[in-house]
C-alpha atoms as a PDB file:
ATOM      1  CA  MET A   1      21.217 -47.634 -33.043  1.00  0.00           C
ATOM      2  CA  GLN A   2      19.376 -50.105 -35.249  1.00  0.00           C
ATOM      3  CA  SER A   3      16.811 -52.737 -34.390  1.00  0.00           C
ATOM      4  CA  ASN A   4      15.375 -55.655 -36.315  1.00  0.00           C
ATOM      5  CA  PHE A   5      12.355 -57.866 -35.866  1.00  0.00           C
ATOM      6  CA  SER A   6      12.440 -61.599 -35.472  1.00  0.00           C
ATOM      7  CA  GLN A   7      10.113 -63.831 -37.367  1.00  0.00           C
ATOM      8  CA  GLY A   8       7.873 -63.955 -34.321  1.00  0.00           C
ATOM      9  CA  GLY A   9       7.508 -60.184 -34.436  1.00  0.00           C
ATOM     10  CA  GLY A  10       9.456 -59.440 -31.229  1.00  0.00           C
ATOM     11  CA  LEU A  11      11.728 -56.458 -30.928  1.00  0.00           C
ATOM     12  CA  GLN A  12      15.355 -57.587 -30.903  1.00  0.00           C
ATOM     13  CA  PRO A  13      18.295 -55.426 -29.783  1.00  0.00           C
ATOM     14  CA  ALA A  14      20.718 -54.351 -32.434  1.00  0.00           C
ATOM     15  CA  GLN A  15      24.084 -56.032 -32.625  1.00  0.00           C
ATOM     16  CA  GLY A  16      26.508 -54.440 -30.189  1.00  0.00           C
ATOM     17  CA  PHE A  17      23.759 -53.366 -27.789  1.00  0.00           C
ATOM     18  CA  SER A  18      23.079 -56.628 -25.974  1.00  0.00           C
ATOM     19  CA  LEU A  19      20.547 -56.617 -23.165  1.00  0.00           C
ATOM     20  CA  ALA A  20      22.305 -59.442 -21.314  1.00  0.00           C
ATOM     21  CA  PRO A  21      23.502 -58.421 -17.815  1.00  0.00           C
ATOM     22  CA  GLU A  22      27.104 -59.453 -18.420  1.00  0.00           C
ATOM     23  CA  SER A  23      27.486 -57.603 -21.710  1.00  0.00           C
ATOM     24  CA  GLY A  24      25.600 -54.624 -20.286  1.00  0.00           C
ATOM     25  CA  ALA A  25      28.017 -54.326 -17.379  1.00  0.00           C
ATOM     26  CA  LYS A  26      30.965 -54.511 -19.785  1.00  0.00           C
ATOM     27  CA  LEU A  27      29.379 -51.830 -21.927  1.00  0.00           C
ATOM     28  CA  LEU A  28      29.002 -49.448 -18.985  1.00  0.00           C
ATOM     29  CA  ARG A  29      32.553 -50.096 -17.841  1.00  0.00           C
ATOM     30  CA  SER A  30      33.882 -49.375 -21.329  1.00  0.00           C
ATOM     31  CA  LEU A  31      31.782 -46.246 -21.732  1.00  0.00           C
ATOM     32  CA  ARG A  32      32.210 -44.536 -18.379  1.00  0.00           C
ATOM     33  CA  PRO A  33      31.789 -41.038 -19.839  1.00  0.00           C
ATOM     34  CA  VAL A  34      28.340 -41.949 -21.216  1.00  0.00           C
ATOM     35  CA  PRO A  35      26.403 -41.401 -17.940  1.00  0.00           C
ATOM     36  CA  LEU A  36      28.073 -38.003 -17.488  1.00  0.00           C
ATOM     37  CA  ILE A  37      27.353 -37.011 -21.086  1.00  0.00           C
ATOM     38  CA  THR A  38      23.747 -38.140 -20.694  1.00  0.00           C
ATOM     39  CA  ALA A  39      23.340 -36.135 -17.480  1.00  0.00           C
ATOM     40  CA  ALA A  40      24.831 -33.064 -19.159  1.00  0.00           C
ATOM     41  CA  ALA A  41      22.509 -33.491 -22.150  1.00  0.00           C
ATOM     42  CA  LEU A  42      19.468 -33.665 -19.852  1.00  0.00           C
ATOM     43  CA  LEU A  43      20.577 -30.531 -18.014  1.00  0.00           C
ATOM     44  CA  VAL A  44      20.996 -28.655 -21.290  1.00  0.00           C
ATOM     45  CA  CYS A  45      17.666 -29.836 -22.751  1.00  0.00           C
ATOM     46  CA  TYR A  46      15.761 -28.959 -19.589  1.00  0.00           C
ATOM     47  CA  ALA A  47      17.710 -25.814 -18.697  1.00  0.00           C
ATOM     48  CA  SER A  48      14.665 -23.547 -19.010  1.00  0.00           C
ATOM     49  CA  THR A  49      12.576 -25.917 -16.882  1.00  0.00           C
ATOM     50  CA  LEU A  50      15.236 -26.074 -14.203  1.00  0.00           C
ATOM     51  CA  ARG A  51      15.492 -22.279 -14.173  1.00  0.00           C
ATOM     52  CA  GLY A  52      11.738 -22.079 -13.649  1.00  0.00           C
ATOM     53  CA  MET A  53      11.851 -24.605 -10.816  1.00  0.00           C
ATOM     54  CA  ILE A  54      14.707 -22.786  -9.084  1.00  0.00           C
ATOM     55  CA  ALA A  55      12.864 -19.478  -9.479  1.00  0.00           C
ATOM     56  CA  GLN A  56       9.809 -20.946  -7.737  1.00  0.00           C
ATOM     57  CA  TRP A  57      11.920 -22.419  -4.946  1.00  0.00           C
ATOM     58  CA  THR A  58      13.470 -18.985  -4.467  1.00  0.00           C
ATOM     59  CA  ASN A  59      10.356 -16.816  -4.655  1.00  0.00           C
ATOM     60  CA  ASP A  60       7.614 -19.069  -3.285  1.00  0.00           C
ATOM     61  CA  GLU A  61       7.955 -19.695   0.455  1.00  0.00           C
ATOM     62  CA  ASP A  62       5.772 -22.791   0.122  1.00  0.00           C
ATOM     63  CA  MET A  63       8.468 -24.344  -2.084  1.00  0.00           C
ATOM     64  CA  GLY A  64      11.635 -23.345  -0.251  1.00  0.00           C
ATOM     65  CA  HIS A  65      12.309 -26.997   0.583  1.00  0.00           C
ATOM     66  CA  GLY A  66      12.795 -27.658  -3.156  1.00  0.00           C
ATOM     67  CA  PHE A  67      16.503 -26.829  -2.871  1.00  0.00           C
ATOM     68  CA  LEU A  68      16.938 -29.639  -0.350  1.00  0.00           C
ATOM     69  CA  VAL A  69      15.130 -32.361  -2.324  1.00  0.00           C
ATOM     70  CA  PRO A  70      17.757 -33.041  -5.052  1.00  0.00           C
ATOM     71  CA  VAL A  71      20.535 -32.904  -2.451  1.00  0.00           C
ATOM     72  CA  VAL A  72      18.825 -35.567  -0.323  1.00  0.00           C
ATOM     73  CA  ALA A  73      17.974 -37.682  -3.388  1.00  0.00           C
ATOM     74  CA  LEU A  74      21.612 -37.638  -4.573  1.00  0.00           C
ATOM     75  CA  TRP A  75      22.798 -38.420  -1.037  1.00  0.00           C
ATOM     76  CA  ILE A  76      20.527 -41.487  -0.913  1.00  0.00           C
ATOM     77  CA  ILE A  77      21.860 -42.655  -4.287  1.00  0.00           C
ATOM     78  CA  TRP A  78      25.433 -42.248  -3.009  1.00  0.00           C
ATOM     79  CA  LYS A  79      24.604 -43.906   0.329  1.00  0.00           C
ATOM     80  CA  GLU A  80      23.123 -46.967  -1.390  1.00  0.00           C
ATOM     81  CA  SER A  81      25.727 -47.127  -4.141  1.00  0.00           C
ATOM     82  CA  ALA A  82      27.013 -50.499  -2.921  1.00  0.00           C
ATOM     83  CA  ARG A  83      23.529 -52.003  -3.181  1.00  0.00           C
ATOM     84  CA  TRP A  84      22.497 -50.668  -6.581  1.00  0.00           C
ATOM     85  CA  SER A  85      25.940 -51.139  -8.136  1.00  0.00           C
ATOM     86  CA  ALA A  86      25.629 -54.832  -7.248  1.00  0.00           C
ATOM     87  CA  THR A  87      22.542 -54.937  -9.474  1.00  0.00           C
ATOM     88  CA  PRO A  88      23.642 -56.218 -12.898  1.00  0.00           C
ATOM     89  CA  ALA A  89      23.509 -53.510 -15.548  1.00  0.00           C
ATOM     90  CA  ASN A  90      21.158 -54.529 -18.334  1.00  0.00           C
ATOM     91  CA  PRO A  91      20.894 -51.616 -20.794  1.00  0.00           C
ATOM     92  CA  SER A  92      17.563 -51.573 -22.548  1.00  0.00           C
ATOM     93  CA  ALA A  93      16.511 -49.874 -25.749  1.00  0.00           C
ATOM     94  CA  TRP A  94      13.130 -49.238 -24.147  1.00  0.00           C
ATOM     95  CA  GLY A  95      14.808 -46.299 -22.443  1.00  0.00           C
ATOM     96  CA  TRP A  96      14.569 -44.439 -25.763  1.00  0.00           C
ATOM     97  CA  PHE A  97      10.774 -44.723 -25.677  1.00  0.00           C
ATOM     98  CA  ILE A  98      10.649 -43.356 -22.128  1.00  0.00           C
ATOM     99  CA  ILE A  99      12.963 -40.487 -23.072  1.00  0.00           C
ATOM    100  CA  ALA A 100      10.768 -39.774 -26.103  1.00  0.00           C
ATOM    101  CA  ALA A 101       7.705 -39.686 -23.840  1.00  0.00           C
ATOM    102  CA  GLY A 102       9.483 -37.214 -21.581  1.00  0.00           C
ATOM    103  CA  ALA A 103      10.485 -35.077 -24.555  1.00  0.00           C
ATOM    104  CA  SER A 104       6.874 -35.039 -25.775  1.00  0.00           C
ATOM    105  CA  MET A 105       5.697 -33.903 -22.345  1.00  0.00           C
ATOM    106  CA  HIS A 106       8.359 -31.201 -22.397  1.00  0.00           C
ATOM    107  CA  VAL A 107       7.069 -29.919 -25.735  1.00  0.00           C
ATOM    108  CA  VAL A 108       3.519 -29.830 -24.347  1.00  0.00           C
ATOM    109  CA  GLY A 109       4.760 -27.874 -21.347  1.00  0.00           C
ATOM    110  CA  ALA A 110       6.639 -25.407 -23.536  1.00  0.00           C
ATOM    111  CA  LEU A 111       3.570 -24.890 -25.742  1.00  0.00           C
ATOM    112  CA  GLY A 112       1.418 -23.844 -22.802  1.00  0.00           C
ATOM    113  CA  GLY A 113       1.082 -26.882 -20.573  1.00  0.00           C
ATOM    114  CA  GLY A 114       3.035 -25.113 -17.870  1.00  0.00           C
ATOM    115  CA  LEU A 115       6.076 -25.583 -15.695  1.00  0.00           C
ATOM    116  CA  PHE A 116       4.580 -28.525 -13.812  1.00  0.00           C
ATOM    117  CA  ILE A 117       4.300 -30.692 -16.949  1.00  0.00           C
ATOM    118  CA  SER A 118       7.810 -29.760 -18.073  1.00  0.00           C
ATOM    119  CA  SER A 119       9.161 -30.624 -14.611  1.00  0.00           C
ATOM    120  CA  CYS A 120       7.423 -34.012 -14.706  1.00  0.00           C
ATOM    121  CA  ALA A 121       8.948 -34.518 -18.159  1.00  0.00           C
ATOM    122  CA  PHE A 122      12.395 -33.966 -16.639  1.00  0.00           C
ATOM    123  CA  LEU A 123      11.862 -36.812 -14.146  1.00  0.00           C
ATOM    124  CA  VAL A 124      10.434 -39.071 -16.872  1.00  0.00           C
ATOM    125  CA  SER A 125      13.503 -38.430 -19.029  1.00  0.00           C
ATOM    126  CA  ILE A 126      15.786 -39.240 -16.102  1.00  0.00           C
ATOM    127  CA  ALA A 127      13.943 -42.540 -15.668  1.00  0.00           C
ATOM    128  CA  GLY A 128      14.361 -43.220 -19.380  1.00  0.00           C
ATOM    129  CA  ALA A 129      18.086 -42.536 -19.222  1.00  0.00           C
ATOM    130  CA  ILE A 130      18.439 -44.946 -16.305  1.00  0.00           C
ATOM    131  CA  VAL A 131      16.629 -47.690 -18.212  1.00  0.00           C
ATOM    132  CA  LEU A 132      18.683 -46.988 -21.330  1.00  0.00           C
ATOM    133  CA  LEU A 133      22.017 -47.232 -19.522  1.00  0.00           C
ATOM    134  CA  GLY A 134      21.265 -49.638 -16.687  1.00  0.00           C
ATOM    135  CA  GLY A 135      17.973 -51.376 -17.319  1.00  0.00           C
ATOM    136  CA  SER A 136      14.753 -51.716 -15.380  1.00  0.00           C
ATOM    137  CA  ALA A 137      16.514 -53.300 -12.396  1.00  0.00           C
ATOM    138  CA  ARG A 138      18.587 -50.143 -11.922  1.00  0.00           C
ATOM    139  CA  LEU A 139      15.435 -48.070 -12.232  1.00  0.00           C
ATOM    140  CA  ARG A 140      13.838 -50.103  -9.430  1.00  0.00           C
ATOM    141  CA  ALA A 141      16.985 -49.649  -7.328  1.00  0.00           C
ATOM    142  CA  TRP A 142      16.703 -45.863  -7.768  1.00  0.00           C
ATOM    143  CA  SER A 143      12.914 -45.754  -7.411  1.00  0.00           C
ATOM    144  CA  PHE A 144      12.882 -44.214  -3.925  1.00  0.00           C
ATOM    145  CA  PRO A 145      15.082 -41.161  -4.664  1.00  0.00           C
ATOM    146  CA  LEU A 146      13.160 -40.655  -7.915  1.00  0.00           C
ATOM    147  CA  LEU A 147       9.818 -40.736  -6.114  1.00  0.00           C
ATOM    148  CA  LEU A 148      11.250 -38.430  -3.448  1.00  0.00           C
ATOM    149  CA  SER A 149      12.054 -35.959  -6.241  1.00  0.00           C
ATOM    150  CA  ILE A 150       8.312 -35.415  -6.707  1.00  0.00           C
ATOM    151  CA  PHE A 151       8.486 -33.063  -3.715  1.00  0.00           C
ATOM    152  CA  MET A 152      10.607 -30.623  -5.730  1.00  0.00           C
ATOM    153  CA  LEU A 153       8.025 -30.323  -8.522  1.00  0.00           C
ATOM    154  CA  PRO A 154       6.255 -26.952  -8.816  1.00  0.00           C
ATOM    155  CA  LYS A 155       2.798 -26.644  -7.341  1.00  0.00           C
ATOM    156  CA  LEU A 156       0.063 -27.681  -9.752  1.00  0.00           C
ATOM    157  CA  ALA A 157      -1.932 -24.449 -10.043  1.00  0.00           C
ATOM    158  CA  ILE A 158      -5.353 -26.026 -10.554  1.00  0.00           C
ATOM    159  CA  VAL A 159      -4.967 -28.201  -7.432  1.00  0.00           C
ATOM    160  CA  TYR A 160      -3.431 -25.401  -5.364  1.00  0.00           C
ATOM    161  CA  ASN A 161      -6.236 -22.989  -6.229  1.00  0.00           C
ATOM    162  CA  GLN A 162      -8.888 -25.572  -5.328  1.00  0.00           C
ATOM    163  CA  LEU A 163      -7.290 -26.269  -1.949  1.00  0.00           C
ATOM    164  CA  THR A 164      -6.385 -22.741  -0.878  1.00  0.00           C
ATOM    165  CA  LEU A 165      -9.776 -21.386   0.219  1.00  0.00           C
ATOM    166  CA  PRO A 166     -10.996 -24.572   1.979  1.00  0.00           C
ATOM    167  CA  LEU A 167      -7.720 -24.761   3.914  1.00  0.00           C
ATOM    168  CA  GLN A 168      -7.968 -21.067   4.848  1.00  0.00           C
ATOM    169  CA  LEU A 169     -11.490 -21.572   6.178  1.00  0.00           C
ATOM    170  CA  LEU A 170     -10.462 -24.745   8.009  1.00  0.00           C
ATOM    171  CA  ALA A 171      -7.538 -22.970   9.664  1.00  0.00           C
ATOM    172  CA  SER A 172      -9.839 -20.090  10.678  1.00  0.00           C
ATOM    173  CA  ARG A 173     -12.447 -22.445  12.123  1.00  0.00           C
ATOM    174  CA  MET A 174      -9.914 -24.536  14.063  1.00  0.00           C
ATOM    175  CA  ALA A 175      -8.086 -21.436  15.346  1.00  0.00           C
ATOM    176  CA  ALA A 176     -11.400 -19.981  16.533  1.00  0.00           C
ATOM    177  CA  GLY A 177     -12.105 -23.241  18.347  1.00  0.00           C
ATOM    178  CA  ILE A 178      -8.692 -23.173  20.029  1.00  0.00           C
ATOM    179  CA  LEU A 179      -9.137 -19.562  21.136  1.00  0.00           C
ATOM    180  CA  THR A 180     -12.651 -20.252  22.431  1.00  0.00           C
ATOM    181  CA  THR A 181     -11.323 -23.192  24.441  1.00  0.00           C
ATOM    182  CA  MET A 182      -8.717 -20.850  25.917  1.00  0.00           C
ATOM    183  CA  GLY A 183     -11.515 -18.519  27.045  1.00  0.00           C
ATOM    184  CA  ALA A 184     -11.013 -15.785  24.457  1.00  0.00           C
ATOM    185  CA  ALA A 185     -13.989 -13.998  22.898  1.00  0.00           C
ATOM    186  CA  VAL A 186     -13.836 -14.802  19.184  1.00  0.00           C
ATOM    187  CA  ILE A 187     -16.042 -13.770  16.308  1.00  0.00           C
ATOM    188  CA  ARG A 188     -15.322 -15.505  13.010  1.00  0.00           C
ATOM    189  CA  GLU A 189     -16.443 -14.205   9.650  1.00  0.00           C
ATOM    190  CA  GLY A 190     -15.137 -16.563   6.990  1.00  0.00           C
ATOM    191  CA  ASN A 191     -11.359 -16.290   7.156  1.00  0.00           C
ATOM    192  CA  ILE A 192     -11.402 -13.215   9.433  1.00  0.00           C
ATOM    193  CA  LEU A 193     -11.105 -13.585  13.204  1.00  0.00           C
ATOM    194  CA  ASP A 194     -12.008 -10.860  15.673  1.00  0.00           C
ATOM    195  CA  VAL A 195     -10.333 -11.623  18.997  1.00  0.00           C
ATOM    196  CA  GLY A 196     -11.310  -8.996  21.565  1.00  0.00           C
ATOM    197  CA  GLY A 197     -11.209  -6.227  18.984  1.00  0.00           C
ATOM    198  CA  HIS A 198      -8.018  -7.489  17.339  1.00  0.00           C
ATOM    199  CA  ARG A 199      -8.895  -8.528  13.797  1.00  0.00           C
ATOM    200  CA  ILE A 200      -6.728 -11.039  12.000  1.00  0.00           C
ATOM    201  CA  LEU A 201      -7.061 -12.069   8.371  1.00  0.00           C
ATOM    202  CA  VAL A 202      -6.116 -15.647   7.553  1.00  0.00           C
ATOM    203  CA  GLU A 203      -4.493 -14.928   4.215  1.00  0.00           C
ATOM    204  CA  GLU A 204      -3.837 -17.264   1.321  1.00  0.00           C
ATOM    205  CA  ALA A 205      -0.282 -17.772   2.564  1.00  0.00           C
ATOM    206  CA  CYS A 206      -1.685 -19.114   5.844  1.00  0.00           C
ATOM    207  CA  ASN A 207      -3.541 -22.014   4.237  1.00  0.00           C
ATOM    208  CA  GLY A 208      -1.196 -24.625   5.716  1.00  0.00           C
ATOM    209  CA  ILE A 209       0.501 -25.774   2.500  1.00  0.00           C
ATOM    210  CA  ARG A 210       3.654 -24.027   3.692  1.00  0.00           C
ATOM    211  CA  TYR A 211       3.781 -26.646   6.450  1.00  0.00           C
ATOM    212  CA  LEU A 212       2.250 -29.530   4.525  1.00  0.00           C
ATOM    213  CA  LEU A 213       4.721 -29.847   1.633  1.00  0.00           C
ATOM    214  CA  PRO A 214       8.018 -29.671   3.566  1.00  0.00           C
ATOM    215  CA  LEU A 215       6.615 -31.704   6.450  1.00  0.00           C
ATOM    216  CA  GLY A 216       5.512 -34.449   4.058  1.00  0.00           C
ATOM    217  CA  PHE A 217       8.998 -34.475   2.551  1.00  0.00           C
ATOM    218  CA  ILE A 218      10.619 -34.655   5.983  1.00  0.00           C
ATOM    219  CA  GLY A 219       8.213 -37.396   7.031  1.00  0.00           C
ATOM    220  CA  VAL A 220       9.244 -39.600   4.105  1.00  0.00           C
ATOM    221  CA  VAL A 221      12.944 -38.935   4.739  1.00  0.00           C
ATOM    222  CA  LEU A 222      12.550 -39.675   8.458  1.00  0.00           C
ATOM    223  CA  GLY A 223      10.824 -42.929   7.552  1.00  0.00           C
ATOM    224  CA  TYR A 224      13.791 -43.821   5.362  1.00  0.00           C
ATOM    225  CA  LEU A 225      16.348 -42.934   8.036  1.00  0.00           C
ATOM    226  CA  LEU A 226      14.594 -44.434  11.053  1.00  0.00           C
ATOM    227  CA  ASP A 227      12.935 -47.548   9.682  1.00  0.00           C
ATOM    228  CA  PRO A 228      13.679 -50.001   6.838  1.00  0.00           C
ATOM    229  CA  ARG A 229       9.976 -50.779   6.326  1.00  0.00           C
ATOM    230  CA  VAL A 230       8.473 -49.026   3.325  1.00  0.00           C
ATOM    231  CA  TRP A 231       5.022 -48.787   4.901  1.00  0.00           C
ATOM    232  CA  MET A 232       6.450 -46.619   7.681  1.00  0.00           C
ATOM    233  CA  ARG A 233       7.304 -43.928   5.110  1.00  0.00           C
ATOM    234  CA  ILE A 234       3.691 -44.004   3.928  1.00  0.00           C
ATOM    235  CA  VAL A 235       2.432 -43.753   7.521  1.00  0.00           C
ATOM    236  CA  LEU A 236       4.627 -40.735   8.266  1.00  0.00           C
ATOM    237  CA  LEU A 237       3.614 -39.072   4.996  1.00  0.00           C
ATOM    238  CA  ALA A 238      -0.053 -39.566   5.881  1.00  0.00           C
ATOM    239  CA  ALA A 239       0.538 -38.336   9.448  1.00  0.00           C
ATOM    240  CA  ALA A 240       2.141 -35.163   8.113  1.00  0.00           C
ATOM    241  CA  ILE A 241      -1.221 -34.006   6.706  1.00  0.00           C
ATOM    242  CA  PRO A 242      -3.219 -33.666   9.963  1.00  0.00           C
ATOM    243  CA  ILE A 243      -0.121 -32.527  11.849  1.00  0.00           C
ATOM    244  CA  ALA A 244       0.470 -29.710   9.347  1.00  0.00           C
ATOM    245  CA  ILE A 245      -3.192 -28.635   9.410  1.00  0.00           C
ATOM    246  CA  CYS A 246      -3.310 -28.585  13.215  1.00  0.00           C
ATOM    247  CA  ALA A 247       0.037 -26.789  13.448  1.00  0.00           C
ATOM    248  CA  ASN A 248      -1.099 -24.085  11.050  1.00  0.00           C
ATOM    249  CA  SER A 249      -4.291 -23.583  13.080  1.00  0.00           C
ATOM    250  CA  VAL A 250      -2.250 -23.242  16.277  1.00  0.00           C
ATOM    251  CA  ARG A 251      -0.072 -20.624  14.591  1.00  0.00           C
ATOM    252  CA  VAL A 252      -3.155 -18.653  13.555  1.00  0.00           C
ATOM    253  CA  ALA A 253      -4.543 -18.941  17.086  1.00  0.00           C
ATOM    254  CA  ILE A 254      -1.286 -17.627  18.562  1.00  0.00           C
ATOM    255  CA  ALA A 255      -1.359 -14.681  16.167  1.00  0.00           C
ATOM    256  CA  GLY A 256      -4.961 -13.970  17.195  1.00  0.00           C
ATOM    257  CA  ALA A 257      -4.281 -14.191  20.934  1.00  0.00           C
ATOM    258  CA  MET A 258      -1.020 -12.236  20.860  1.00  0.00           C
ATOM    259  CA  PRO A 259      -0.874  -9.438  18.258  1.00  0.00           C
ATOM    260  CA  LEU A 260       2.929  -9.367  18.597  1.00  0.00           C
ATOM    261  CA  PHE A 261       3.066 -12.649  16.649  1.00  0.00           C
ATOM    262  CA  ASP A 262       0.766 -11.405  13.909  1.00  0.00           C
ATOM    263  CA  HIS A 263       3.530 -10.228  11.573  1.00  0.00           C
ATOM    264  CA  GLY A 264       7.233  -9.645  11.120  1.00  0.00           C
ATOM    265  CA  ALA A 265      10.072 -11.530  12.776  1.00  0.00           C
ATOM    266  CA  PRO A 266       8.015 -12.827  15.738  1.00  0.00           C
ATOM    267  CA  HIS A 267       5.520 -14.349  13.289  1.00  0.00           C
ATOM    268  CA  ALA A 268       8.343 -16.056  11.375  1.00  0.00           C
ATOM    269  CA  LEU A 269      10.008 -17.313  14.561  1.00  0.00           C
ATOM    270  CA  SER A 270       6.758 -18.729  15.892  1.00  0.00           C
ATOM    271  CA  GLY A 271       6.300 -20.530  12.592  1.00  0.00           C
ATOM    272  CA  LEU A 272       9.792 -22.036  12.819  1.00  0.00           C
ATOM    273  CA  PHE A 273       9.207 -23.133  16.413  1.00  0.00           C
ATOM    274  CA  ILE A 274       5.907 -24.779  15.545  1.00  0.00           C
ATOM    275  CA  PHE A 275       7.514 -26.522  12.576  1.00  0.00           C
ATOM    276  CA  MET A 276      10.112 -28.008  14.915  1.00  0.00           C
ATOM    277  CA  LEU A 277       7.263 -29.291  17.081  1.00  0.00           C
ATOM    278  CA  CYS A 278       5.752 -30.853  13.957  1.00  0.00           C
ATOM    279  CA  MET A 279       8.973 -32.752  13.332  1.00  0.00           C
ATOM    280  CA  ALA A 280       8.916 -33.949  16.944  1.00  0.00           C
ATOM    281  CA  ALA A 281       5.328 -35.097  16.401  1.00  0.00           C
ATOM    282  CA  LEU A 282       6.411 -37.150  13.374  1.00  0.00           C
ATOM    283  CA  ILE A 283       9.104 -38.823  15.443  1.00  0.00           C
ATOM    284  CA  ALA A 284       6.485 -39.580  18.100  1.00  0.00           C
ATOM    285  CA  VAL A 285       4.260 -41.162  15.430  1.00  0.00           C
ATOM    286  CA  HIS A 286       7.171 -43.326  14.347  1.00  0.00           C
ATOM    287  CA  LYS A 287       7.841 -44.411  17.926  1.00  0.00           C
ATOM    288  CA  PHE A 288       4.173 -45.274  18.386  1.00  0.00           C
ATOM    289  CA  PHE A 289       3.998 -47.492  15.319  1.00  0.00           C
ATOM    290  CA  SER A 290       7.372 -49.040  16.143  1.00  0.00           C
ATOM    291  CA  ARG A 291       6.174 -50.321  19.513  1.00  0.00           C
ATOM    292  CA  PRO A 292       5.199 -53.974  19.901  1.00  0.00           C
ATOM    293  CA  LYS A 293       1.536 -54.608  19.169  1.00  0.00           C
ATOM    294  CA  SER A 294       0.882 -55.548  22.773  1.00  0.00           C
ATOM    295  CA  GLU A 295       2.007 -52.097  23.954  1.00  0.00           C
ATOM    296  CA  GLN A 296      -0.085 -50.352  21.272  1.00  0.00           C
ATOM    297  CA  HIS A 297      -3.233 -52.195  22.375  1.00  0.00           C
ATOM    298  CA  ALA A 298      -2.473 -51.389  26.015  1.00  0.00           C
END
């Protein structure tokens, strides 16, 4: 593809690659295989990154929801196909610059930047491909599923390591408070609880992120499904944070009060049950904010 500059210095599209909506739509109709070829090229170029992401989803219990994220994102794109397909296609050469930025990030990730940077590069390259083939209007139409895809990115190690210990200590402190309120004799030493001689260690895996990440994802999806207002998705995402922290503390308190739930299958089942309660709490938050203002004030 070639470009030339006008006398005013502006970037002009090369002949045959018009940015007009009508010609862009004709171009996409005449080159139907192009989107499939582009998608295949992205999958090949980022194959190692995708393998790393899938490996983390498989081996890291905090990231198990990662398998669900692309499925939901693709379902949303399919569900809203009538709306975004009505948006005039306006292919833009600026997509090449976005793809180049993604490729540069991918190189940085491969040279030691880590899986997180390479995964971000994958999303940037997808955005560039959308702009290249459909224009900025199509990118805006697909903005929600693309933003939702952030939930499938690997954990950023520097942030995760900074949050782990404070969340462990917070869960220990809140669990001790819950047990004390229940009348149990509790001695807390950092992230270790002694409940009537039964000692429980609040490990790194019990820091609450295992609830926080999937619950935030579910909160945003519930906001999309239950309410057309964008701000409701933000409210449910924000509500997921305290709900996840409180739920994790309750789980630790249950394990301290009843040693049976300290490990193994009972521990996993209690976690699943509490997570279901978290989802119910998100629905309750939605119902609260959906009420008329007069009822909320009352």
